[in-house]
Amino acid sequence: MSRASPRGTYLQVSESLRQQIESGDLGDALPSEAALMSSHGVSRNTIRRALKVLEAAGVVSSAPGIGWRVAREGDRRSLAERMTDLIVEDSLSSGDPYPSEAKLCDRFAASRTAVRRVLAQMEGNGLLDTVHGKGRTVRALPTP
């Protein structure tokens, strides 16, 4: 944004993002705040205010470790629920290999930190085992 506006700059940014979302230019996951700052030439505070406007309108949503995503009707489960449900969805049995961290990050569009946190939780709950050099395997099936 190059010039001052009587209308808040954050509103201009939110409108620009809304148009990009509606045209499908952004996909499901929004770029990082740093990338948005660079592409719009504004401060982090301006980007955050713009995202909050879109969040209040139900256009985007935020989740820890995942970032800002386009709000879609459908899957509203947490990352932990989706990663646990993957065992049933992919028809995994006890002893089967569980997907790698990289594949989980791609599948759920989540950060490695968030995926590792959930994996540790799943191991603590007795759902997964880790074998050094072989990755993770399913230890037990989740209870409904």
Protein backbone atom coordinates (compact mmCIF):
# COMPACT_ATOMS: atom_id res chain seq x y z
CA MET A 1 0.00 0.00 0.00
CA SER A 2 1.71 3.12 -1.15
CA ARG A 3 -0.44 5.99 0.00
CA ALA A 4 -2.41 6.90 3.08
CA SER A 5 -6.10 6.26 2.91
CA PRO A 6 -9.07 7.78 4.72
CA ARG A 7 -10.25 4.18 4.97
CA GLY A 8 -7.97 2.10 7.19
CA THR A 9 -5.11 0.44 5.34
CA TYR A 10 -5.93 -2.82 7.12
CA LEU A 11 -9.40 -2.69 5.52
CA GLN A 12 -7.83 -2.31 2.08
CA VAL A 13 -5.57 -5.28 2.78
CA SER A 14 -8.49 -7.37 4.07
CA GLU A 15 -10.49 -6.54 0.93
CA SER A 16 -7.55 -7.47 -1.28
CA LEU A 17 -7.16 -10.79 0.56
CA ARG A 18 -10.91 -11.43 0.34
CA GLN A 19 -10.78 -10.97 -3.44
CA GLN A 20 -7.78 -13.29 -3.74
CA ILE A 21 -9.58 -15.93 -1.66
CA GLU A 22 -12.79 -15.65 -3.70
CA SER A 23 -10.87 -15.95 -6.98
CA GLY A 24 -9.03 -19.02 -5.66
CA ASP A 25 -5.59 -17.41 -5.95
CA LEU A 26 -4.60 -18.30 -2.38
CA GLY A 27 -5.77 -21.90 -2.09
CA ASP A 28 -6.62 -23.29 1.35
CA ALA A 29 -3.67 -21.93 3.33
CA LEU A 30 -2.77 -18.26 3.43
CA PRO A 31 0.88 -17.20 3.11
CA SER A 32 2.77 -16.41 6.31
CA GLU A 33 2.31 -13.03 7.96
CA ALA A 34 5.84 -12.12 6.85
CA ALA A 35 5.02 -12.95 3.21
CA LEU A 36 1.79 -10.94 3.44
CA MET A 37 3.71 -8.01 4.94
CA SER A 38 6.14 -8.10 2.04
CA SER A 39 3.53 -8.48 -0.70
CA HIS A 40 1.33 -5.66 0.66
CA GLY A 41 4.14 -3.41 1.91
CA VAL A 42 2.62 -2.97 5.37
CA SER A 43 3.47 -3.75 8.99
CA ARG A 44 2.68 -6.98 10.84
CA ASN A 45 0.08 -5.13 12.92
CA THR A 46 -1.75 -4.07 9.75
CA ILE A 47 -1.73 -7.66 8.45
CA ARG A 48 -3.02 -8.98 11.78
CA ARG A 49 -5.83 -6.42 11.85
CA ALA A 50 -6.79 -7.35 8.27
CA LEU A 51 -6.81 -11.06 9.16
CA LYS A 52 -8.94 -10.38 12.24
CA VAL A 53 -11.49 -8.57 10.04
CA LEU A 54 -11.63 -11.61 7.74
CA GLU A 55 -11.83 -13.96 10.72
CA ALA A 56 -14.77 -12.01 12.17
CA ALA A 57 -16.50 -12.30 8.80
CA GLY A 58 -15.94 -16.07 8.77
CA VAL A 59 -13.67 -15.94 5.72
CA VAL A 60 -10.50 -17.25 7.41
CA SER A 61 -9.64 -19.11 10.60
CA SER A 62 -6.47 -19.57 12.58
CA ALA A 63 -5.14 -22.58 14.44
CA PRO A 64 -1.93 -22.91 16.46
CA GLY A 65 0.79 -24.55 14.42
CA ILE A 66 -1.27 -24.44 11.25
CA GLY A 67 -1.57 -20.73 10.57
CA TRP A 68 -4.29 -18.87 8.73
CA ARG A 69 -6.53 -20.94 6.49
CA VAL A 70 -9.52 -20.23 4.33
CA ALA A 71 -12.62 -21.15 6.31
CA ARG A 72 -14.45 -23.88 4.51
CA GLU A 73 -17.54 -25.73 5.51
CA GLY A 74 -16.53 -29.21 6.49
CA ASP A 75 -13.66 -30.50 8.56
CA ARG A 76 -13.40 -28.50 11.78
CA ARG A 77 -11.55 -31.19 13.77
CA SER A 78 -8.32 -30.34 15.57
CA LEU A 79 -4.99 -31.54 14.21
CA ALA A 80 -4.83 -34.15 16.98
CA GLU A 81 -8.26 -35.52 16.04
CA ARG A 82 -7.42 -35.63 12.34
CA MET A 83 -4.07 -37.36 12.93
CA THR A 84 -5.70 -39.91 15.24
CA ASP A 85 -8.56 -40.50 12.80
CA LEU A 86 -5.99 -41.10 10.04
CA ILE A 87 -5.43 -44.58 11.53
CA VAL A 88 -9.03 -45.54 10.80
CA GLU A 89 -9.35 -43.54 7.55
CA ASP A 90 -6.26 -45.22 6.04
CA SER A 91 -7.30 -48.66 7.40
CA LEU A 92 -4.10 -49.04 9.42
CA SER A 93 -3.76 -51.99 11.77
CA SER A 94 -1.58 -52.62 14.77
CA GLY A 95 2.03 -52.89 13.59
CA ASP A 96 1.49 -50.95 10.34
CA PRO A 97 3.82 -48.01 9.65
CA TYR A 98 2.40 -44.58 10.45
CA PRO A 99 3.11 -41.79 7.90
CA SER A 100 6.31 -39.77 8.30
CA GLU A 101 6.40 -36.27 9.77
CA ALA A 102 6.98 -34.78 6.31
CA LYS A 103 3.95 -36.58 4.84
CA LEU A 104 1.80 -35.50 7.81
CA CYS A 105 2.91 -31.87 7.40
CA ASP A 106 1.92 -31.97 3.73
CA ARG A 107 -1.34 -33.82 4.28
CA PHE A 108 -2.59 -31.53 7.05
CA ALA A 109 -0.80 -28.32 6.00
CA ALA A 110 0.65 -28.09 9.50
CA SER A 111 4.05 -27.09 10.84
CA ARG A 112 6.55 -29.76 11.83
CA THR A 113 6.37 -28.47 15.42
CA ALA A 114 2.60 -28.98 15.57
CA VAL A 115 2.87 -32.45 14.01
CA ARG A 116 5.62 -33.49 16.42
CA ARG A 117 3.56 -32.27 19.38
CA VAL A 118 0.58 -34.39 18.31
CA LEU A 119 2.80 -37.41 17.59
CA ALA A 120 4.24 -37.18 21.10
CA GLN A 121 0.71 -37.00 22.48
CA MET A 122 -0.32 -40.04 20.43
CA GLU A 123 2.72 -41.97 21.68
CA GLY A 124 1.87 -40.97 25.25
CA ASN A 125 -1.68 -42.22 24.76
CA GLY A 126 -0.36 -45.59 23.57
CA LEU A 127 -1.52 -45.26 19.95
CA LEU A 128 1.95 -45.19 18.36
CA ASP A 129 5.37 -46.75 18.93
CA THR A 130 8.65 -45.33 17.70
CA VAL A 131 11.36 -47.70 16.54
CA HIS A 132 14.75 -46.06 16.09
CA GLY A 133 15.65 -46.05 12.40
CA LYS A 134 12.28 -47.40 11.31
CA GLY A 135 9.88 -44.62 12.18
CA ARG A 136 6.53 -44.89 13.90
CA THR A 137 4.13 -47.80 13.87
CA VAL A 138 0.54 -48.14 15.01
CA ARG A 139 0.46 -49.70 18.47
CA ALA A 140 -3.27 -49.64 19.15
CA LEU A 141 -6.42 -48.57 17.36
CA PRO A 142 -8.20 -45.47 18.68
CA THR A 143 -11.35 -46.03 20.67
CA PRO A 144 -14.49 -44.37 19.30
